[in-house]
C-alpha atoms as a PDB file:
ATOM      1  CA  MET A   1    -189.438 192.229 132.460  1.00  0.00           C
ATOM      2  CA  ILE A   2    -190.079 192.284 128.985  1.00  0.00           C
ATOM      3  CA  LYS A   3    -189.811 196.319 128.466  1.00  0.00           C
ATOM      4  CA  ARG A   4    -186.750 196.394 130.266  1.00  0.00           C
ATOM      5  CA  LEU A   5    -185.298 193.718 127.525  1.00  0.00           C
ATOM      6  CA  TYR A   6    -186.397 195.731 125.041  1.00  0.00           C
ATOM      7  CA  LEU A   7    -184.796 198.681 126.360  1.00  0.00           C
ATOM      8  CA  LEU A   8    -181.265 196.943 126.305  1.00  0.00           C
ATOM      9  CA  PRO A   9    -180.592 197.479 122.869  1.00  0.00           C
ATOM     10  CA  VAL A  10    -181.499 200.719 122.546  1.00  0.00           C
ATOM     11  CA  LEU A  11    -179.519 201.915 125.986  1.00  0.00           C
ATOM     12  CA  SER A  12    -176.607 199.953 124.944  1.00  0.00           C
ATOM     13  CA  PHE A  13    -176.777 202.093 121.573  1.00  0.00           C
ATOM     14  CA  PHE A  14    -177.077 205.332 123.077  1.00  0.00           C
ATOM     15  CA  SER A  15    -173.744 204.284 125.421  1.00  0.00           C
ATOM     16  CA  LEU A  16    -172.086 203.694 122.236  1.00  0.00           C
ATOM     17  CA  THR A  17    -172.884 206.936 120.330  1.00  0.00           C
ATOM     18  CA  SER A  18    -172.184 209.124 123.880  1.00  0.00           C
ATOM     19  CA  PHE A  19    -168.775 208.150 123.589  1.00  0.00           C
ATOM     20  CA  ALA A  20    -168.699 209.052 119.752  1.00  0.00           C
ATOM     21  CA  GLY A  21    -167.784 211.558 117.069  1.00  0.00           C
ATOM     22  CA  TYR A  22    -169.698 213.001 114.542  1.00  0.00           C
ATOM     23  CA  GLY A  23    -168.819 214.151 110.786  1.00  0.00           C
ATOM     24  CA  ILE A  24    -170.075 216.053 108.147  1.00  0.00           C
ATOM     25  CA  ILE A  25    -170.563 214.298 104.428  1.00  0.00           C
ATOM     26  CA  THR A  26    -168.827 217.106 102.276  1.00  0.00           C
ATOM     27  CA  THR A  27    -169.752 214.994  98.734  1.00  0.00           C
ATOM     28  CA  LEU A  28    -173.011 214.781  96.884  1.00  0.00           C
ATOM     29  CA  GLU A  29    -173.625 210.833  97.760  1.00  0.00           C
ATOM     30  CA  ALA A  30    -170.995 209.420  99.886  1.00  0.00           C
ATOM     31  CA  PRO A  31    -170.992 205.226  99.782  1.00  0.00           C
ATOM     32  CA  ILE A  32    -171.072 203.493 103.280  1.00  0.00           C
ATOM     33  CA  VAL A  33    -169.646 199.594 102.606  1.00  0.00           C
ATOM     34  CA  ARG A  34    -168.832 196.621 104.631  1.00  0.00           C
ATOM     35  CA  SER A  35    -165.734 196.387 104.925  1.00  0.00           C
ATOM     36  CA  LEU A  36    -161.983 198.500 105.016  1.00  0.00           C
ATOM     37  CA  ASN A  37    -162.196 198.054 100.811  1.00  0.00           C
ATOM     38  CA  VAL A  38    -163.787 200.672  98.399  1.00  0.00           C
ATOM     39  CA  ASP A  39    -164.711 197.347  96.258  1.00  0.00           C
ATOM     40  CA  ALA A  40    -167.110 196.097  99.153  1.00  0.00           C
ATOM     41  CA  PRO A  41    -170.720 196.532  98.891  1.00  0.00           C
ATOM     42  CA  THR A  42    -172.642 199.518  99.526  1.00  0.00           C
ATOM     43  CA  VAL A  43    -175.092 199.026 102.400  1.00  0.00           C
ATOM     44  CA  MET A  44    -175.961 202.864 102.705  1.00  0.00           C
ATOM     45  CA  THR A  45    -175.710 206.191 100.776  1.00  0.00           C
ATOM     46  CA  ALA A  46    -175.288 209.326 102.430  1.00  0.00           C
ATOM     47  CA  ARG A  47    -176.372 212.828 101.445  1.00  0.00           C
ATOM     48  CA  LYS A  48    -174.079 216.127 101.166  1.00  0.00           C
ATOM     49  CA  GLY A  49    -174.092 218.022 104.931  1.00  0.00           C
ATOM     50  CA  GLN A  50    -175.614 214.693 106.850  1.00  0.00           C
ATOM     51  CA  LYS A  51    -174.556 214.174 110.052  1.00  0.00           C
ATOM     52  CA  ILE A  52    -172.932 210.519 110.419  1.00  0.00           C
ATOM     53  CA  TYR A  53    -171.701 208.570 113.937  1.00  0.00           C
ATOM     54  CA  ILE A  54    -167.935 207.890 113.782  1.00  0.00           C
ATOM     55  CA  HIS A  55    -166.614 205.924 116.070  1.00  0.00           C
ATOM     56  CA  ASP A  56    -164.104 207.548 119.027  1.00  0.00           C
ATOM     57  CA  LYS A  57    -161.339 205.425 118.371  1.00  0.00           C
ATOM     58  CA  TYR A  58    -160.476 208.491 115.844  1.00  0.00           C
ATOM     59  CA  PHE A  59    -160.667 211.372 118.428  1.00  0.00           C
ATOM     60  CA  LYS A  60    -157.749 211.493 120.672  1.00  0.00           C
ATOM     61  CA  ASN A  61    -159.965 211.867 124.398  1.00  0.00           C
ATOM     62  CA  GLY A  62    -162.814 212.714 122.468  1.00  0.00           C
ATOM     63  CA  PRO A  63    -163.587 215.152 119.171  1.00  0.00           C
ATOM     64  CA  ASN A  64    -161.673 218.258 120.743  1.00  0.00           C
ATOM     65  CA  ASP A  65    -158.707 216.246 119.851  1.00  0.00           C
ATOM     66  CA  VAL A  66    -158.991 214.656 116.462  1.00  0.00           C
ATOM     67  CA  ILE A  67    -155.186 214.538 114.911  1.00  0.00           C
ATOM     68  CA  TYR A  68    -154.621 215.730 111.830  1.00  0.00           C
ATOM     69  CA  ILE A  69    -150.974 215.536 110.267  1.00  0.00           C
ATOM     70  CA  LYS A  70    -149.498 217.941 107.860  1.00  0.00           C
ATOM     71  CA  GLU A  71    -149.033 217.915 104.462  1.00  0.00           C
ATOM     72  CA  ASP A  72    -146.614 216.007 102.718  1.00  0.00           C
ATOM     73  CA  LYS A  73    -144.889 214.145  99.321  1.00  0.00           C
ATOM     74  CA  ASN A  74    -146.128 211.186 100.812  1.00  0.00           C
ATOM     75  CA  GLN A  75    -149.391 211.778 102.607  1.00  0.00           C
ATOM     76  CA  ASP A  76    -152.707 213.539 102.101  1.00  0.00           C
ATOM     77  CA  PHE A  77    -153.558 216.350 104.850  1.00  0.00           C
ATOM     78  CA  GLY A  78    -156.453 215.260 106.959  1.00  0.00           C
ATOM     79  CA  ALA A  79    -155.230 211.459 107.094  1.00  0.00           C
ATOM     80  CA  PHE A  80    -155.124 210.378 110.207  1.00  0.00           C
ATOM     81  CA  GLU A  81    -152.530 207.899 112.289  1.00  0.00           C
ATOM     82  CA  THR A  82    -153.084 204.689 114.253  1.00  0.00           C
ATOM     83  CA  GLU A  83    -151.412 201.849 114.922  1.00  0.00           C
ATOM     84  CA  GLU A  84    -151.698 200.301 111.595  1.00  0.00           C
ATOM     85  CA  GLY A  85    -150.595 203.457 109.915  1.00  0.00           C
ATOM     86  CA  TYR A  86    -152.909 206.196 107.945  1.00  0.00           C
ATOM     87  CA  GLU A  87    -156.415 204.965 108.044  1.00  0.00           C
ATOM     88  CA  LYS A  88    -158.407 205.205 104.663  1.00  0.00           C
ATOM     89  CA  PHE A  89    -161.910 204.496 106.190  1.00  0.00           C
ATOM     90  CA  TYR A  90    -163.720 205.745 109.205  1.00  0.00           C
ATOM     91  CA  GLU A  91    -165.681 203.083 111.237  1.00  0.00           C
ATOM     92  CA  THR A  92    -169.261 204.014 111.220  1.00  0.00           C
ATOM     93  CA  LEU A  93    -172.793 202.302 111.876  1.00  0.00           C
ATOM     94  CA  ASP A  94    -175.182 201.900 108.994  1.00  0.00           C
ATOM     95  CA  LYS A  95    -179.172 202.363 109.408  1.00  0.00           C
ATOM     96  CA  ASN A  96    -179.163 198.683 111.127  1.00  0.00           C
ATOM     97  CA  GLY A  97    -177.099 199.676 113.987  1.00  0.00           C
ATOM     98  CA  GLN A  98    -174.207 197.296 112.204  1.00  0.00           C
ATOM     99  CA  LYS A  99    -170.614 198.022 111.623  1.00  0.00           C
ATOM    100  CA  ALA A 100    -169.991 199.495 108.646  1.00  0.00           C
ATOM    101  CA  TYR A 101    -167.156 201.933 106.841  1.00  0.00           C
ATOM    102  CA  ILE A 102    -167.076 205.333 104.799  1.00  0.00           C
ATOM    103  CA  SER A 103    -164.084 206.945 102.946  1.00  0.00           C
ATOM    104  CA  ARG A 104    -162.437 209.495 104.400  1.00  0.00           C
ATOM    105  CA  TYR A 105    -162.298 211.600 101.433  1.00  0.00           C
ATOM    106  CA  TYR A 106    -165.845 211.941 101.952  1.00  0.00           C
ATOM    107  CA  VAL A 107    -166.506 213.449 105.127  1.00  0.00           C
ATOM    108  CA  LYS A 108    -165.141 215.821 107.523  1.00  0.00           C
ATOM    109  CA  LEU A 109    -164.687 215.472 111.444  1.00  0.00           C
ATOM    110  CA  ILE A 110    -166.378 217.764 113.564  1.00  0.00           C
ATOM    111  CA  THR A 111    -163.712 219.362 116.258  1.00  0.00           C
ATOM    112  CA  ASN A 112    -166.105 221.492 118.502  1.00  0.00           C
ATOM    113  CA  ASP A 113    -163.556 224.027 119.317  1.00  0.00           C
ATOM    114  CA  GLN A 114    -161.705 226.855 116.713  1.00  0.00           C
ATOM    115  CA  ARG A 115    -160.600 224.355 114.845  1.00  0.00           C
ATOM    116  CA  GLU A 116    -163.910 224.619 113.126  1.00  0.00           C
ATOM    117  CA  PHE A 117    -163.191 228.225 111.545  1.00  0.00           C
ATOM    118  CA  THR A 118    -159.559 227.141 110.081  1.00  0.00           C
ATOM    119  CA  GLN A 119    -159.510 223.809 108.991  1.00  0.00           C
ATOM    120  CA  LYS A 120    -160.651 223.396 105.669  1.00  0.00           C
ATOM    121  CA  ILE A 121    -163.934 221.543 104.597  1.00  0.00           C
ATOM    122  CA  THR A 122    -161.929 219.425 102.084  1.00  0.00           C
ATOM    123  CA  PRO A 123    -158.269 220.034 103.107  1.00  0.00           C
ATOM    124  CA  PHE A 124    -157.205 217.170 100.149  1.00  0.00           C
ATOM    125  CA  LYS A 125    -155.516 218.512  97.040  1.00  0.00           C
ATOM    126  CA  PRO A 126    -156.746 217.650  94.741  1.00  0.00           C
ATOM    127  CA  ASP A 127    -160.128 217.800  96.285  1.00  0.00           C
ATOM    128  CA  PRO A 128    -161.569 214.473  95.431  1.00  0.00           C
ATOM    129  CA  ASN A 129    -165.261 215.967  95.359  1.00  0.00           C
ATOM    130  CA  ASP A 130    -164.695 218.491  92.937  1.00  0.00           C
ATOM    131  CA  TYR A 131    -167.335 217.932  90.414  1.00  0.00           C
ATOM    132  CA  ARG A 132    -166.525 221.495  88.381  1.00  0.00           C
ATOM    133  CA  LEU A 133    -166.388 221.660  85.251  1.00  0.00           C
ATOM    134  CA  ALA A 134    -163.871 224.296  83.829  1.00  0.00           C
ATOM    135  CA  GLU A 135    -165.323 227.010  82.822  1.00  0.00           C
ATOM    136  CA  PRO A 136    -166.469 228.306  79.984  1.00  0.00           C
ATOM    137  CA  LEU A 137    -168.199 225.083  79.118  1.00  0.00           C
ATOM    138  CA  PRO A 138    -166.857 223.647  75.455  1.00  0.00           C
ATOM    139  CA  GLU A 139    -169.094 224.336  72.784  1.00  0.00           C
ATOM    140  CA  ASN A 140    -172.078 222.250  71.951  1.00  0.00           C
ATOM    141  CA  TYR A 141    -171.702 220.840  75.116  1.00  0.00           C
ATOM    142  CA  PRO A 142    -173.351 218.019  76.812  1.00  0.00           C
ATOM    143  CA  PHE A 143    -173.083 217.313  72.866  1.00  0.00           C
ATOM    144  CA  GLN A 144    -169.575 216.195  71.179  1.00  0.00           C
ATOM    145  CA  SER A 145    -168.911 216.562  67.643  1.00  0.00           C
ATOM    146  CA  PRO A 146    -166.688 213.240  66.464  1.00  0.00           C
ATOM    147  CA  GLU A 147    -166.003 215.512  63.046  1.00  0.00           C
ATOM    148  CA  MET A 148    -165.358 218.757  65.056  1.00  0.00           C
ATOM    149  CA  GLY A 149    -162.416 220.429  62.711  1.00  0.00           C
ATOM    150  CA  ARG A 150    -159.892 223.600  62.800  1.00  0.00           C
ATOM    151  CA  ALA A 151    -158.512 225.457  59.980  1.00  0.00           C
ATOM    152  CA  ARG A 152    -156.737 228.716  59.283  1.00  0.00           C
ATOM    153  CA  VAL A 153    -154.471 230.774  56.846  1.00  0.00           C
ATOM    154  CA  SER A 154    -151.816 233.462  57.925  1.00  0.00           C
ATOM    155  CA  LEU A 155    -149.787 235.833  56.748  1.00  0.00           C
ATOM    156  CA  SER A 156    -146.405 236.083  58.681  1.00  0.00           C
ATOM    157  CA  MET A 157    -143.296 238.552  58.906  1.00  0.00           C
ATOM    158  CA  GLY A 158    -139.542 237.896  60.468  1.00  0.00           C
ATOM    159  CA  PRO A 159    -135.901 238.399  60.018  1.00  0.00           C
ATOM    160  CA  ASP A 160    -134.590 236.571  57.284  1.00  0.00           C
ATOM    161  CA  ILE A 161    -131.400 233.268  57.804  1.00  0.00           C
ATOM    162  CA  LYS A 162    -128.807 234.982  58.029  1.00  0.00           C
ATOM    163  CA  SER A 163    -126.721 231.944  55.778  1.00  0.00           C
ATOM    164  CA  ASN A 164    -124.913 232.652  52.248  1.00  0.00           C
ATOM    165  CA  TYR A 165    -123.210 231.262  49.545  1.00  0.00           C
ATOM    166  CA  ASN A 166    -119.452 230.974  50.412  1.00  0.00           C
ATOM    167  CA  TYR A 167    -118.156 233.073  47.946  1.00  0.00           C
ATOM    168  CA  ASN A 168    -114.168 232.976  46.969  1.00  0.00           C
ATOM    169  CA  SER A 169    -113.484 236.779  47.741  1.00  0.00           C
ATOM    170  CA  ILE A 170    -114.696 239.068  51.078  1.00  0.00           C
ATOM    171  CA  LEU A 171    -117.762 240.266  51.804  1.00  0.00           C
ATOM    172  CA  THR A 172    -117.454 243.773  52.330  1.00  0.00           C
ATOM    173  CA  GLU A 173    -121.400 244.627  52.360  1.00  0.00           C
ATOM    174  CA  GLU A 174    -124.710 242.568  52.752  1.00  0.00           C
ATOM    175  CA  ASP A 175    -127.880 243.263  53.377  1.00  0.00           C
ATOM    176  CA  PHE A 176    -130.927 241.212  54.322  1.00  0.00           C
ATOM    177  CA  SER A 177    -134.527 241.910  53.745  1.00  0.00           C
ATOM    178  CA  ASN A 178    -137.175 240.336  55.986  1.00  0.00           C
ATOM    179  CA  ARG A 179    -138.696 237.145  54.900  1.00  0.00           C
ATOM    180  CA  TYR A 180    -142.705 237.034  54.113  1.00  0.00           C
ATOM    181  CA  GLY A 181    -144.555 233.853  53.998  1.00  0.00           C
ATOM    182  CA  PHE A 182    -147.947 232.747  54.245  1.00  0.00           C
ATOM    183  CA  GLU A 183    -149.725 229.554  56.057  1.00  0.00           C
ATOM    184  CA  LEU A 184    -152.692 227.224  55.733  1.00  0.00           C
ATOM    185  CA  ALA A 185    -153.210 224.807  59.031  1.00  0.00           C
ATOM    186  CA  PHE A 186    -156.124 222.041  59.183  1.00  0.00           C
ATOM    187  CA  GLY A 187    -156.618 219.831  61.971  1.00  0.00           C
ATOM    188  CA  ARG A 188    -159.146 217.917  63.848  1.00  0.00           C
ATOM    189  CA  LYS A 189    -160.417 217.394  67.561  1.00  0.00           C
ATOM    190  CA  ALA A 190    -158.459 214.648  69.640  1.00  0.00           C
ATOM    191  CA  ASN A 191    -160.779 211.690  70.116  1.00  0.00           C
ATOM    192  CA  TRP A 192    -159.863 211.655  73.477  1.00  0.00           C
ATOM    193  CA  ASP A 193    -160.024 215.477  74.846  1.00  0.00           C
ATOM    194  CA  THR A 194    -163.829 215.666  75.920  1.00  0.00           C
ATOM    195  CA  GLU A 195    -162.866 219.266  77.047  1.00  0.00           C
ATOM    196  CA  ASN A 196    -162.428 220.519  73.241  1.00  0.00           C
ATOM    197  CA  ARG A 197    -158.536 221.661  73.855  1.00  0.00           C
ATOM    198  CA  PHE A 198    -156.202 219.172  71.872  1.00  0.00           C
ATOM    199  CA  TYR A 199    -155.671 219.217  68.348  1.00  0.00           C
ATOM    200  CA  PHE A 200    -153.687 217.761  65.486  1.00  0.00           C
ATOM    201  CA  GLY A 201    -153.413 218.206  62.035  1.00  0.00           C
ATOM    202  CA  ALA A 202    -151.013 219.133  58.937  1.00  0.00           C
ATOM    203  CA  ILE A 203    -149.470 222.502  58.567  1.00  0.00           C
ATOM    204  CA  VAL A 204    -148.168 223.804  55.059  1.00  0.00           C
ATOM    205  CA  GLN A 205    -146.286 227.104  54.838  1.00  0.00           C
ATOM    206  CA  ALA A 206    -143.936 229.163  52.246  1.00  0.00           C
ATOM    207  CA  TRP A 207    -141.921 232.610  52.592  1.00  0.00           C
ATOM    208  CA  THR A 208    -139.447 234.213  50.307  1.00  0.00           C
ATOM    209  CA  SER A 209    -136.357 236.476  51.258  1.00  0.00           C
ATOM    210  CA  GLU A 210    -133.872 238.285  49.572  1.00  0.00           C
ATOM    211  CA  ALA A 211    -130.431 239.214  50.200  1.00  0.00           C
ATOM    212  CA  ARG A 212    -127.686 241.757  48.599  1.00  0.00           C
ATOM    213  CA  PHE A 213    -123.725 241.453  48.911  1.00  0.00           C
ATOM    214  CA  GLN A 214    -121.083 243.166  47.397  1.00  0.00           C
ATOM    215  CA  LEU A 215    -117.486 241.216  47.589  1.00  0.00           C
ATOM    216  CA  PHE A 216    -113.848 242.966  48.197  1.00  0.00           C
ATOM    217  CA  ASP A 217    -113.365 242.476  44.471  1.00  0.00           C
ATOM    218  CA  ASP A 218    -116.399 244.577  43.337  1.00  0.00           C
ATOM    219  CA  ARG A 219    -118.696 242.565  42.381  1.00  0.00           C
ATOM    220  CA  LYS A 220    -122.227 242.397  43.332  1.00  0.00           C
ATOM    221  CA  THR A 221    -124.214 239.621  44.368  1.00  0.00           C
ATOM    222  CA  THR A 222    -127.891 238.806  44.909  1.00  0.00           C
ATOM    223  CA  GLU A 223    -129.251 235.871  46.569  1.00  0.00           C
ATOM    224  CA  SER A 224    -133.187 235.239  45.721  1.00  0.00           C
ATOM    225  CA  ARG A 225    -134.132 232.577  48.189  1.00  0.00           C
ATOM    226  CA  SER A 226    -137.237 230.346  49.245  1.00  0.00           C
ATOM    227  CA  GLN A 227    -139.046 227.832  51.433  1.00  0.00           C
ATOM    228  CA  LEU A 228    -141.660 224.984  51.597  1.00  0.00           C
ATOM    229  CA  SER A 229    -142.486 223.550  54.602  1.00  0.00           C
ATOM    230  CA  ALA A 230    -145.291 220.612  55.146  1.00  0.00           C
ATOM    231  CA  GLY A 231    -145.214 218.227  58.588  1.00  0.00           C
ATOM    232  CA  PRO A 232    -147.504 217.542  61.066  1.00  0.00           C
ATOM    233  CA  TYR A 233    -148.603 219.568  64.563  1.00  0.00           C
ATOM    234  CA  LEU A 234    -150.164 219.329  67.995  1.00  0.00           C
ATOM    235  CA  SER A 235    -151.473 222.371  69.327  1.00  0.00           C
ATOM    236  CA  TYR A 236    -153.249 223.162  72.980  1.00  0.00           C
ATOM    237  CA  ASP A 237    -155.348 225.967  74.207  1.00  0.00           C
ATOM    238  CA  PRO A 238    -154.589 226.354  78.168  1.00  0.00           C
ATOM    239  CA  TYR A 239    -157.017 229.200  78.511  1.00  0.00           C
ATOM    240  CA  ARG A 240    -159.964 230.258  77.130  1.00  0.00           C
ATOM    241  CA  ASP A 241    -162.807 232.529  77.801  1.00  0.00           C
ATOM    242  CA  ASN A 242    -166.447 233.632  75.456  1.00  0.00           C
ATOM    243  CA  ASP A 243    -163.877 236.377  74.256  1.00  0.00           C
ATOM    244  CA  MET A 244    -160.169 234.622  73.702  1.00  0.00           C
ATOM    245  CA  ARG A 245    -158.368 231.600  73.296  1.00  0.00           C
ATOM    246  CA  LEU A 246    -154.618 231.390  74.189  1.00  0.00           C
ATOM    247  CA  THR A 247    -153.183 228.316  72.074  1.00  0.00           C
ATOM    248  CA  MET A 248    -149.544 226.607  72.093  1.00  0.00           C
ATOM    249  CA  GLU A 249    -148.503 224.816  69.169  1.00  0.00           C
ATOM    250  CA  ALA A 250    -145.531 222.641  68.095  1.00  0.00           C
ATOM    251  CA  SER A 251    -144.780 221.334  64.556  1.00  0.00           C
ATOM    252  CA  LEU A 252    -142.379 219.214  62.905  1.00  0.00           C
ATOM    253  CA  LEU A 253    -141.650 220.623  59.078  1.00  0.00           C
ATOM    254  CA  VAL A 254    -139.867 219.273  56.024  1.00  0.00           C
ATOM    255  CA  SER A 255    -138.510 221.979  54.376  1.00  0.00           C
ATOM    256  CA  TYR A 256    -137.245 222.514  50.855  1.00  0.00           C
ATOM    257  CA  THR A 257    -135.116 225.508  50.264  1.00  0.00           C
ATOM    258  CA  ARG A 258    -133.975 226.918  47.217  1.00  0.00           C
ATOM    259  CA  ASN A 259    -131.157 229.879  47.005  1.00  0.00           C
ATOM    260  CA  LEU A 260    -130.997 231.215  43.553  1.00  0.00           C
ATOM    261  CA  VAL A 261    -127.864 233.380  43.412  1.00  0.00           C
ATOM    262  CA  LYS A 262    -126.683 235.757  41.024  1.00  0.00           C
ATOM    263  CA  GLN A 263    -123.231 237.349  40.539  1.00  0.00           C
ATOM    264  CA  THR A 264    -122.615 240.911  38.448  1.00  0.00           C
ATOM    265  CA  ASP A 265    -118.939 242.101  37.968  1.00  0.00           C
ATOM    266  CA  LEU A 266    -118.358 245.552  37.117  1.00  0.00           C
ATOM    267  CA  SER A 267    -118.129 244.745  32.954  1.00  0.00           C
ATOM    268  CA  GLY A 268    -122.181 243.881  33.576  1.00  0.00           C
ATOM    269  CA  PHE A 269    -121.092 239.982  32.648  1.00  0.00           C
ATOM    270  CA  SER A 270    -122.938 238.199  35.301  1.00  0.00           C
ATOM    271  CA  GLU A 271    -124.128 234.182  36.162  1.00  0.00           C
ATOM    272  CA  GLU A 272    -126.821 232.449  38.222  1.00  0.00           C
ATOM    273  CA  ARG A 273    -127.399 229.222  40.023  1.00  0.00           C
ATOM    274  CA  LEU A 274    -129.432 227.602  41.745  1.00  0.00           C
ATOM    275  CA  PHE A 275    -128.433 225.959  44.844  1.00  0.00           C
ATOM    276  CA  SER A 276    -131.344 223.555  46.813  1.00  0.00           C
ATOM    277  CA  GLY A 277    -131.663 220.737  49.265  1.00  0.00           C
ATOM    278  CA  LEU A 278    -134.161 219.037  52.037  1.00  0.00           C
ATOM    279  CA  GLY A 279    -133.709 219.435  55.734  1.00  0.00           C
ATOM    280  CA  PHE A 280    -135.626 219.509  58.799  1.00  0.00           C
ATOM    281  CA  SER A 281    -137.299 222.518  60.766  1.00  0.00           C
ATOM    282  CA  PRO A 282    -138.996 222.303  64.171  1.00  0.00           C
ATOM    283  CA  ARG A 283    -141.461 225.246  65.559  1.00  0.00           C
ATOM    284  CA  LEU A 284    -143.068 226.223  68.617  1.00  0.00           C
ATOM    285  CA  SER A 285    -145.493 229.123  67.953  1.00  0.00           C
ATOM    286  CA  SER A 286    -148.431 230.784  70.733  1.00  0.00           C
ATOM    287  CA  TYR A 287    -150.868 232.878  69.421  1.00  0.00           C
ATOM    288  CA  ILE A 288    -154.279 234.395  70.764  1.00  0.00           C
ATOM    289  CA  GLN A 289    -158.044 233.888  68.963  1.00  0.00           C
ATOM    290  CA  TRP A 290    -160.194 236.416  69.269  1.00  0.00           C
ATOM    291  CA  LYS A 291    -163.824 236.682  68.552  1.00  0.00           C
ATOM    292  CA  THR A 292    -165.435 237.607  65.944  1.00  0.00           C
ATOM    293  CA  MET A 293    -169.763 238.710  64.869  1.00  0.00           C
ATOM    294  CA  SER A 294    -169.295 234.738  64.036  1.00  0.00           C
ATOM    295  CA  GLN A 295    -169.008 232.037  67.080  1.00  0.00           C
ATOM    296  CA  SER A 296    -167.012 230.207  63.985  1.00  0.00           C
ATOM    297  CA  VAL A 297    -164.262 232.342  62.550  1.00  0.00           C
ATOM    298  CA  ARG A 298    -161.997 234.065  65.150  1.00  0.00           C
ATOM    299  CA  PHE A 299    -159.059 236.634  64.558  1.00  0.00           C
ATOM    300  CA  ILE A 300    -155.360 234.848  65.424  1.00  0.00           C
ATOM    301  CA  SER A 301    -152.354 237.394  66.098  1.00  0.00           C
ATOM    302  CA  GLY A 302    -148.908 235.442  67.170  1.00  0.00           C
ATOM    303  CA  PHE A 303    -145.490 234.680  66.652  1.00  0.00           C
ATOM    304  CA  ASP A 304    -143.549 231.627  66.428  1.00  0.00           C
ATOM    305  CA  VAL A 305    -140.108 230.446  66.813  1.00  0.00           C
ATOM    306  CA  GLN A 306    -138.593 227.703  63.932  1.00  0.00           C
ATOM    307  CA  PHE A 307    -135.331 225.928  64.222  1.00  0.00           C
ATOM    308  CA  TYR A 308    -133.061 224.742  61.860  1.00  0.00           C
ATOM    309  CA  MET A 309    -131.029 222.322  61.593  1.00  0.00           C
ATOM    310  CA  PRO A 310    -127.674 222.123  59.867  1.00  0.00           C
ATOM    311  CA  GLN A 311    -127.899 222.097  56.160  1.00  0.00           C
ATOM    312  CA  SER A 312    -125.961 222.543  53.093  1.00  0.00           C
ATOM    313  CA  LEU A 313    -127.731 223.498  50.010  1.00  0.00           C
ATOM    314  CA  THR A 314    -126.027 222.237  46.471  1.00  0.00           C
ATOM    315  CA  SER A 315    -126.357 223.209  42.747  1.00  0.00           C
ATOM    316  CA  SER A 316    -126.829 220.314  39.757  1.00  0.00           C
ATOM    317  CA  THR A 317    -125.556 223.259  37.432  1.00  0.00           C
ATOM    318  CA  GLU A 318    -121.420 223.419  36.856  1.00  0.00           C
ATOM    319  CA  PRO A 319    -120.228 226.928  36.345  1.00  0.00           C
ATOM    320  CA  ILE A 320    -118.831 228.906  33.575  1.00  0.00           C
ATOM    321  CA  SER A 321    -116.819 232.129  35.425  1.00  0.00           C
ATOM    322  CA  ASP A 322    -114.825 231.809  37.904  1.00  0.00           C
ATOM    323  CA  PHE A 323    -116.927 233.528  40.149  1.00  0.00           C
ATOM    324  CA  TRP A 324    -117.537 230.303  42.188  1.00  0.00           C
ATOM    325  CA  ASN A 325    -115.999 227.157  43.889  1.00  0.00           C
ATOM    326  CA  GLU A 326    -114.579 224.188  42.220  1.00  0.00           C
ATOM    327  CA  PHE A 327    -118.039 222.432  41.312  1.00  0.00           C
ATOM    328  CA  GLU A 328    -119.246 220.018  43.538  1.00  0.00           C
ATOM    329  CA  ASP A 329    -116.497 220.828  46.362  1.00  0.00           C
ATOM    330  CA  GLU A 330    -117.056 221.357  49.786  1.00  0.00           C
ATOM    331  CA  THR A 331    -117.289 225.031  49.434  1.00  0.00           C
ATOM    332  CA  ASP A 332    -119.453 224.926  46.350  1.00  0.00           C
ATOM    333  CA  ARG A 333    -122.484 224.829  48.775  1.00  0.00           C
ATOM    334  CA  VAL A 334    -124.777 227.715  50.401  1.00  0.00           C
ATOM    335  CA  SER A 335    -124.037 226.357  54.295  1.00  0.00           C
ATOM    336  CA  ILE A 336    -127.144 227.359  56.961  1.00  0.00           C
ATOM    337  CA  PRO A 337    -125.682 226.276  60.666  1.00  0.00           C
ATOM    338  CA  LEU A 338    -127.900 225.352  63.546  1.00  0.00           C
ATOM    339  CA  THR A 339    -130.004 228.152  64.015  1.00  0.00           C
ATOM    340  CA  ALA A 340    -133.654 229.249  65.008  1.00  0.00           C
ATOM    341  CA  HIS A 341    -135.687 232.947  64.219  1.00  0.00           C
ATOM    342  CA  TRP A 342    -138.391 234.159  64.883  1.00  0.00           C
ATOM    343  CA  SER A 343    -141.507 235.575  63.200  1.00  0.00           C
ATOM    344  CA  LEU A 344    -145.008 237.108  63.879  1.00  0.00           C
ATOM    345  CA  PHE A 345    -148.162 236.117  61.882  1.00  0.00           C
ATOM    346  CA  LEU A 346    -151.860 237.164  61.728  1.00  0.00           C
ATOM    347  CA  GLY A 347    -154.994 235.283  60.273  1.00  0.00           C
ATOM    348  CA  ILE A 348    -157.976 234.132  60.547  1.00  0.00           C
ATOM    349  CA  GLN A 349    -159.563 230.583  61.907  1.00  0.00           C
ATOM    350  CA  THR A 350    -162.399 228.995  61.696  1.00  0.00           C
ATOM    351  CA  ASP A 351    -164.052 226.208  63.251  1.00  0.00           C
ATOM    352  CA  PHE A 352    -165.857 223.380  61.420  1.00  0.00           C
END
């Protein structure tokens, strides 16, 4: 009689599990909790690949008819529908045979049919169990240096800004040269960035160019231009491998532009005036970093697009001849319209 009493819980357990389904743990170590709450106490853990009991109510007429819904904007693929809506936990048993729960993100139901070949092990996007780090690993991983910085110097070349003084005679010829410049940039890794991809810092750049014009009254003019800019930047490396990195960068520069205008008539008389002004010029750039013999030094090559806000350059010197418009008049200036210009650059970058 006593032996029969001992057999009752064993028989009841087997009668319970004989109608149940099973699942395979897909994460490294999955917590099994006491109640339907992610913050509930953990009663035990299950290791990856372990087969566990899943209550039969999550299977329609058995494991071969488990219900999966298609992926849409509101639900993850792999959720299962019940009268209460979309379940987030499976009911299971702990090691003492007591009711417990496991998150559906950590287990795949066993269907025992052709869906074993079509159903993904982890159908969720993004995979909540993917703990892999992006390759290649950051330098000095897993140690992060709080003083990681970046500096570069580069030379650039591109088409000139097509703007000029508002001459009081018609232009018959114009000749704009290319502009040539250099750039210095210093930055440091963002404190919240654990992958060494985001950098912020400051840029200083300068360029110079020259333009020549022929006027209808046979005057010849030369405009020698230069610009000095400085401002903050933010860069991001969306791609990198052991030999190459791609960097995207945005900056907002404050630019001081000067334009020395010299006019000469047929008699050889000439007069020159300096026009200058401050303006803003947002800048977008993209460049590739090429590995050298040193891990910390790289060649860089890329292009940038610099946007110029509408701006007028004025002069503080009064004219002597009648080559010019009336002093401090709306026309006595160099007008720069809203425009954008690109340039190519080559240089060297170092990490420190």
